[in-house]
């Protein structure tokens, strides 16, 4: 049997979809993050009678593209989101999207204007992820995975002026996310992924309370739902930015054993952009590893042979039935043609091993 393949989250949006996202923003813009947020808010508030139809169409096409490349567990491509974090926050009380706050992020890598937390975080309005999943699932008989930003990552990618301590904020976010994750599972979604790239940047916080909050996200979810956690090391500002700041690769080693002792079934780690010491895989004795095998911020197309060789090396450290192959992270920077080319290489390599 070939190795299982999946995607992580984002897929390139078509040009005809009137939703600006941060993958396409002009990096020379003075306040790129704030501009994306403001434009997305404006788009959602406009009386665009066919927007829902366009979002559904984009979602279905994203799923079908992944299937055409051979992906076993596709995602919805996050076509409805301006970015993978703030889309979720728009469905929670306590967030202010009208008066944004500037913050320096990712160890000083960039500055952005962000939604501001001005009140207690609680679920707000009707459930939305079940409908997102149903549209995506209608495109295929393969299980579609839905992604949710994790509480520590939300905390670090918004501006807080209400909560007095990070732990309380994180736990309130986790409880609010759990409200939506439970509904998603009850609707029939069998693969639910919580994205926590901040675990790699803040391993101390991850160990102190982040993994407990991650468990809270999945509280009450049935055992037949696969619990996935994605832990990338950071995005660049643009394609082929080879010098961008990444999290310390030793962070994976710091928290691997604790993740392995949790209820998480699959953990996603990057390897293509910067190879890991593959003894890392031995830290996961029961958890399956989603192994990043193609780079998502490089225009160079990997060969089937080089990806296969790296997978063979990985299999010297983990059982074949616990190794899953994926891109490092979301594919939004690549454009549709290059994204599909990379996914086809990935799937051919997974089949060849």
Protein backbone atom coordinates (compact mmCIF):
# COMPACT_ATOMS: atom_id res chain seq x y z
CA UNK A 1 0.00 0.00 0.00
CA UNK A 2 1.29 3.52 -0.77
CA UNK A 3 1.75 6.01 2.03
CA UNK A 4 -1.34 8.06 2.87
CA UNK A 5 -1.31 11.63 1.55
CA UNK A 6 -3.04 14.77 2.76
CA UNK A 7 -2.89 18.57 2.50
CA UNK A 8 -2.51 20.97 5.39
CA UNK A 9 -5.04 23.74 4.77
CA UNK A 10 -4.84 26.62 2.31
CA UNK A 11 -5.05 26.13 -1.45
CA UNK A 12 -4.59 28.95 -4.02
CA UNK A 13 -7.72 31.01 -4.55
CA UNK A 14 -8.91 31.56 -8.14
CA UNK A 15 -8.59 35.09 -9.51
CA UNK A 16 -12.35 35.33 -10.02
CA UNK A 17 -13.08 34.90 -6.29
CA UNK A 18 -13.63 38.37 -4.75
CA UNK A 19 -11.89 37.50 -1.47
CA UNK A 20 -8.54 39.09 -0.76
CA UNK A 21 -6.22 36.96 1.32
CA UNK A 22 -2.77 37.58 2.74
CA UNK A 23 -1.08 35.26 0.23
CA UNK A 24 -1.93 37.71 -2.56
CA UNK A 25 -1.41 40.99 -0.74
CA UNK A 26 1.16 43.49 -1.99
CA UNK A 27 4.05 43.03 0.43
CA UNK A 28 5.11 46.62 -0.17
CA UNK A 29 1.84 47.85 1.32
CA UNK A 30 2.42 49.89 4.47
CA UNK A 31 -0.23 48.02 6.47
CA UNK A 32 -0.79 44.82 4.53
CA UNK A 33 -2.38 42.86 7.37
CA UNK A 34 -4.83 45.62 8.20
CA UNK A 35 -5.69 46.17 4.55
CA UNK A 36 -6.56 42.48 4.09
CA UNK A 37 -8.78 42.59 7.18
CA UNK A 38 -10.56 45.77 6.12
CA UNK A 39 -11.13 44.61 2.54
CA UNK A 40 -12.44 41.23 3.68
CA UNK A 41 -14.86 42.92 6.07
CA UNK A 42 -16.07 45.19 3.29
CA UNK A 43 -16.53 42.27 0.88
CA UNK A 44 -18.57 40.32 3.42
CA UNK A 45 -20.78 43.33 4.12
CA UNK A 46 -21.48 44.18 0.47
CA UNK A 47 -24.68 42.98 -1.17
CA UNK A 48 -22.96 40.54 -3.49
CA UNK A 49 -25.80 38.21 -4.42
CA UNK A 50 -23.59 35.51 -5.91
CA UNK A 51 -20.75 35.54 -3.33
CA UNK A 52 -22.00 32.41 -1.56
CA UNK A 53 -22.23 30.61 -4.90
CA UNK A 54 -18.69 31.67 -5.82
CA UNK A 55 -17.31 30.52 -2.47
CA UNK A 56 -18.99 27.13 -2.88
CA UNK A 57 -17.63 26.81 -6.41
CA UNK A 58 -14.09 27.72 -5.32
CA UNK A 59 -14.25 25.20 -2.47
CA UNK A 60 -15.45 22.36 -4.70
CA UNK A 61 -12.80 23.13 -7.32
CA UNK A 62 -10.06 23.18 -4.66
CA UNK A 63 -11.11 19.75 -3.41
CA UNK A 64 -11.32 18.34 -6.92
CA UNK A 65 -7.85 19.67 -7.76
CA UNK A 66 -6.38 17.88 -4.75
CA UNK A 67 -8.18 14.66 -5.66
CA UNK A 68 -6.95 14.93 -9.27
CA UNK A 69 -3.38 15.04 -7.95
CA UNK A 70 -3.96 11.88 -5.90
CA UNK A 71 -4.40 13.33 -2.39
CA UNK A 72 -6.11 10.86 -0.07
CA UNK A 73 -7.43 13.30 2.54
CA UNK A 74 -7.99 16.74 0.97
CA UNK A 75 -8.95 19.94 2.77
CA UNK A 76 -11.56 22.53 1.81
CA UNK A 77 -8.68 24.76 0.67
CA UNK A 78 -9.76 27.50 3.11
CA UNK A 79 -11.37 29.33 0.20
CA UNK A 80 -13.71 31.28 2.50
CA UNK A 81 -10.92 32.75 4.63
CA UNK A 82 -8.84 35.91 4.37
CA UNK A 83 -6.38 34.02 6.52
CA UNK A 84 -6.71 30.83 8.50
CA UNK A 85 -6.92 32.60 11.88
CA UNK A 86 -9.20 35.62 11.62
CA UNK A 87 -12.00 33.83 9.75
CA UNK A 88 -12.62 31.85 12.93
CA UNK A 89 -12.36 34.93 15.15
CA UNK A 90 -15.18 36.64 13.23
CA UNK A 91 -17.52 34.03 14.71
CA UNK A 92 -16.53 34.71 18.32
CA UNK A 93 -17.70 37.48 20.63
CA UNK A 94 -15.08 39.75 22.15
CA UNK A 95 -13.27 40.56 18.88
CA UNK A 96 -13.30 44.04 17.36
CA UNK A 97 -12.65 44.04 13.60
CA UNK A 98 -13.36 47.74 13.12
CA UNK A 99 -10.68 49.29 15.33
CA UNK A 100 -7.48 47.37 14.62
CA UNK A 101 -4.36 47.45 16.77
CA UNK A 102 -0.78 47.40 15.46
CA UNK A 103 1.52 44.70 16.82
CA UNK A 104 5.00 43.42 16.05
CA UNK A 105 4.82 39.67 15.40
CA UNK A 106 6.96 36.55 14.99
CA UNK A 107 9.99 37.71 16.96
CA UNK A 108 10.03 41.05 15.15
CA UNK A 109 9.69 39.61 11.66
CA UNK A 110 6.87 41.97 10.71
CA UNK A 111 4.25 44.46 11.96
CA UNK A 112 0.53 44.17 11.30
CA UNK A 113 -2.77 45.76 12.29
CA UNK A 114 -4.83 43.09 13.98
CA UNK A 115 -8.33 42.47 15.32
CA UNK A 116 -8.55 43.57 18.95
CA UNK A 117 -9.89 41.53 21.86
CA UNK A 118 -12.05 43.93 23.88
CA UNK A 119 -14.35 41.52 25.75
CA UNK A 120 -14.80 37.96 26.94
CA UNK A 121 -14.33 35.34 24.21
CA UNK A 122 -17.43 33.21 23.66
CA UNK A 123 -19.13 31.50 20.69
CA UNK A 124 -21.38 33.85 18.76
CA UNK A 125 -24.07 33.20 16.18
CA UNK A 126 -24.93 29.96 14.41
CA UNK A 127 -22.47 27.17 13.70
CA UNK A 128 -20.61 27.71 10.41
CA UNK A 129 -17.96 25.02 9.98
CA UNK A 130 -20.48 22.17 9.47
CA UNK A 131 -21.80 23.93 6.36
CA UNK A 132 -18.26 24.66 5.16
CA UNK A 133 -17.49 20.96 5.49
CA UNK A 134 -20.70 19.79 3.77
CA UNK A 135 -19.94 21.88 0.69
CA UNK A 136 -16.38 20.56 0.49
CA UNK A 137 -17.46 16.97 1.17
CA UNK A 138 -20.01 17.13 -1.65
CA UNK A 139 -17.11 17.19 -4.12
CA UNK A 140 -15.72 13.75 -3.26
CA UNK A 141 -16.29 10.43 -1.54
CA UNK A 142 -12.91 10.75 0.17
CA UNK A 143 -12.95 12.27 3.68
CA UNK A 144 -12.39 16.04 3.68
CA UNK A 145 -10.40 17.56 6.53
CA UNK A 146 -11.39 20.89 8.07
CA UNK A 147 -8.82 23.09 9.82
CA UNK A 148 -9.24 25.34 12.85
CA UNK A 149 -6.68 27.81 14.26
CA UNK A 150 -5.48 26.85 17.72
CA UNK A 151 -5.95 29.03 20.81
CA UNK A 152 -2.29 30.00 21.34
CA UNK A 153 -1.95 30.90 17.67
CA UNK A 154 -5.10 33.04 17.81
CA UNK A 155 -3.80 34.71 20.97
CA UNK A 156 -0.53 35.59 19.27
CA UNK A 157 -2.08 36.83 16.01
CA UNK A 158 -4.59 39.24 17.53
CA UNK A 159 -4.27 42.18 19.94
CA UNK A 160 -5.51 41.68 23.50
CA UNK A 161 -6.57 44.67 25.62
CA UNK A 162 -9.08 42.81 27.82
CA UNK A 163 -7.55 39.70 29.41
CA UNK A 164 -5.05 40.09 32.26
CA UNK A 165 -3.16 36.85 31.63
CA UNK A 166 -2.43 34.66 28.62
CA UNK A 167 -3.56 31.38 30.17
CA UNK A 168 -7.09 32.62 30.89
CA UNK A 169 -7.38 33.98 27.35
CA UNK A 170 -6.07 30.73 25.87
CA UNK A 171 -8.55 28.60 27.80
CA UNK A 172 -11.51 30.83 26.87
CA UNK A 173 -10.46 30.53 23.23
CA UNK A 174 -10.18 26.75 23.57
CA UNK A 175 -13.69 26.46 25.02
CA UNK A 176 -15.11 28.63 22.25
CA UNK A 177 -13.32 26.60 19.57
CA UNK A 178 -14.59 23.38 21.13
CA UNK A 179 -18.16 24.61 20.64
CA UNK A 180 -17.58 24.71 16.87
CA UNK A 181 -15.39 21.59 16.69
CA UNK A 182 -18.06 19.50 18.41
CA UNK A 183 -20.67 20.68 15.90
CA UNK A 184 -18.30 19.87 13.04
CA UNK A 185 -17.74 16.35 14.36
CA UNK A 186 -21.46 15.80 14.93
CA UNK A 187 -22.12 16.86 11.32
CA UNK A 188 -19.95 13.95 10.17
CA UNK A 189 -16.47 15.40 9.60
CA UNK A 190 -13.94 12.67 10.44
CA UNK A 191 -10.70 14.66 10.15
CA UNK A 192 -10.40 17.83 12.22
CA UNK A 193 -7.09 19.70 12.41
CA UNK A 194 -6.12 22.36 14.93
CA UNK A 195 -3.27 24.56 13.70
CA UNK A 196 -0.74 25.57 16.36
CA UNK A 197 2.39 26.92 14.64
CA UNK A 198 3.01 28.97 17.76
CA UNK A 199 3.89 25.75 19.58
CA UNK A 200 7.14 25.76 17.60
CA UNK A 201 7.85 29.41 18.48
CA UNK A 202 6.71 29.21 22.11
CA UNK A 203 7.45 25.68 23.31
CA UNK A 204 7.45 26.79 26.95
CA UNK A 205 3.89 28.10 26.65
CA UNK A 206 2.89 24.98 24.73
CA UNK A 207 4.11 22.78 27.56
CA UNK A 208 2.80 25.04 30.35
CA UNK A 209 -0.79 25.27 29.12
CA UNK A 210 -0.99 25.01 25.31
CA UNK A 211 -1.34 21.24 25.08
CA UNK A 212 -3.98 21.31 27.83
CA UNK A 213 -5.86 23.90 25.76
CA UNK A 214 -5.46 21.70 22.69
CA UNK A 215 -7.11 18.84 24.58
CA UNK A 216 -9.94 21.20 25.52
CA UNK A 217 -10.51 21.94 21.83
CA UNK A 218 -11.33 18.26 21.24
CA UNK A 219 -13.28 17.67 24.46
CA UNK A 220 -16.39 15.57 23.84
CA UNK A 221 -15.43 14.69 20.25
CA UNK A 222 -16.15 11.06 19.34
CA UNK A 223 -13.32 8.54 19.15
CA UNK A 224 -13.90 7.88 15.44
CA UNK A 225 -12.86 11.46 14.60
CA UNK A 226 -9.17 11.77 13.77
CA UNK A 227 -7.63 14.51 15.90
CA UNK A 228 -4.91 16.30 13.95
CA UNK A 229 -2.51 19.04 15.08
CA UNK A 230 -0.40 21.07 12.64
CA UNK A 231 2.81 22.67 13.89
CA UNK A 232 4.68 24.56 11.17
CA UNK A 233 7.66 26.86 11.70
CA UNK A 234 6.40 30.03 10.02
CA UNK A 235 5.53 31.62 6.67
CA UNK A 236 7.73 33.98 4.64
CA UNK A 237 6.50 37.30 3.28
CA UNK A 238 6.59 36.10 -0.31
CA UNK A 239 7.52 33.21 -2.58
CA UNK A 240 11.25 32.39 -2.76
CA UNK A 241 12.11 34.41 0.33
CA UNK A 242 14.93 32.12 1.47
CA UNK A 243 16.07 34.18 4.45
CA UNK A 244 12.82 34.47 6.38
CA UNK A 245 12.84 33.88 10.12
CA UNK A 246 11.82 30.39 11.21
CA UNK A 247 11.19 28.82 14.58
CA UNK A 248 14.01 26.89 16.24
CA UNK A 249 13.94 23.29 14.91
CA UNK A 250 14.75 22.06 18.43
CA UNK A 251 11.26 23.16 19.46
CA UNK A 252 9.90 20.00 17.87
CA UNK A 253 12.13 17.92 20.14
CA UNK A 254 11.07 19.87 23.22
CA UNK A 255 7.37 19.07 22.89
CA UNK A 256 7.27 15.85 20.83
CA UNK A 257 6.99 13.45 23.77
CA UNK A 258 4.21 15.47 25.41
CA UNK A 259 2.26 15.57 22.16
CA UNK A 260 2.76 11.81 21.87
CA UNK A 261 1.21 11.33 25.32
CA UNK A 262 -1.84 13.44 24.41
CA UNK A 263 -5.04 12.39 22.63
CA UNK A 264 -3.78 13.75 19.30
CA UNK A 265 -3.83 11.08 16.58
CA UNK A 266 -1.73 12.86 13.95
CA UNK A 267 0.85 15.64 14.25
CA UNK A 268 2.02 17.63 11.23
CA UNK A 269 5.63 18.81 11.08
CA UNK A 270 7.67 20.57 8.39
CA UNK A 271 10.70 18.90 6.86
CA UNK A 272 11.03 20.06 3.23
CA UNK A 273 12.11 23.67 3.83
CA UNK A 274 14.70 22.59 6.40
CA UNK A 275 15.41 18.94 7.08
CA UNK A 276 14.96 17.72 10.64
CA UNK A 277 17.19 15.37 12.55
CA UNK A 278 15.04 12.34 11.76
CA UNK A 279 15.56 10.86 15.21
CA UNK A 280 12.71 13.27 16.00
CA UNK A 281 10.31 10.73 14.50
CA UNK A 282 11.30 8.21 17.16
CA UNK A 283 9.84 10.53 19.80
CA UNK A 284 6.39 9.70 18.43
CA UNK A 285 5.74 6.15 19.59
CA UNK A 286 1.98 6.07 18.99
CA UNK A 287 1.13 9.32 17.20
CA UNK A 288 1.14 9.31 13.40
CA UNK A 289 3.34 11.95 11.76
CA UNK A 290 2.23 14.06 8.81
CA UNK A 291 5.60 14.67 7.21
CA UNK A 292 6.18 17.84 5.18
CA UNK A 293 7.74 16.55 1.96
CA UNK A 294 7.44 19.48 -0.49
CA UNK A 295 8.20 23.15 0.20
CA UNK A 296 5.34 25.62 0.06
CA UNK A 297 7.33 28.85 -0.33
CA UNK A 298 9.79 27.82 -3.04
CA UNK A 299 9.03 27.92 -6.75
CA UNK A 300 11.52 25.12 -7.45
CA UNK A 301 9.66 21.90 -8.22
CA UNK A 302 11.01 18.93 -6.34
CA UNK A 303 11.65 15.66 -8.19
CA UNK A 304 9.85 12.43 -7.38
CA UNK A 305 13.24 10.85 -6.70
CA UNK A 306 14.37 13.38 -4.08
CA UNK A 307 11.04 13.25 -2.23
CA UNK A 308 11.03 9.44 -2.34
CA UNK A 309 14.58 9.32 -1.00
CA UNK A 310 13.70 11.55 1.95
CA UNK A 311 10.63 9.44 2.71
CA UNK A 312 12.78 6.31 2.68
CA UNK A 313 15.09 7.97 5.19
CA UNK A 314 12.11 8.85 7.39
CA UNK A 315 10.91 5.26 7.32
CA UNK A 316 14.09 4.20 9.06
CA UNK A 317 12.73 6.00 12.14
CA UNK A 318 8.95 5.39 12.10
CA UNK A 319 6.55 2.63 11.11
CA UNK A 320 5.14 2.91 7.62
CA UNK A 321 1.54 2.88 8.85
CA UNK A 322 2.24 5.99 10.96
CA UNK A 323 3.89 8.11 8.26
CA UNK A 324 1.59 10.39 6.23
CA UNK A 325 2.90 12.58 3.41
CA UNK A 326 1.91 16.23 2.90
CA UNK A 327 3.26 19.63 1.89
CA UNK A 328 5.02 21.55 4.67
CA UNK A 329 2.04 23.88 5.13
CA UNK A 330 -0.64 25.67 3.09
CA UNK A 331 -0.17 26.11 -0.68
CA UNK A 332 -1.49 29.65 -1.12
CA UNK A 333 1.75 31.23 -2.35
CA UNK A 334 2.29 28.79 -5.21
CA UNK A 335 -0.58 29.47 -7.59
CA UNK A 336 -2.76 26.66 -8.92
CA UNK A 337 -0.41 25.20 -11.57
CA UNK A 338 2.65 24.95 -9.34
CA UNK A 339 0.59 23.74 -6.38
CA UNK A 340 -0.84 20.90 -8.47
CA UNK A 341 2.60 20.03 -9.86
CA UNK A 342 4.00 19.76 -6.34
CA UNK A 343 1.07 17.66 -5.14
CA UNK A 344 1.49 15.29 -8.07
CA UNK A 345 5.19 14.84 -7.23
CA UNK A 346 4.27 14.26 -3.59
CA UNK A 347 1.68 11.61 -4.47
CA UNK A 348 3.94 9.84 -6.96
CA UNK A 349 6.71 9.70 -4.36
CA UNK A 350 4.32 8.38 -1.70
CA UNK A 351 3.18 5.65 -4.10
CA UNK A 352 6.75 4.76 -5.03
CA UNK A 353 8.00 4.20 -1.49
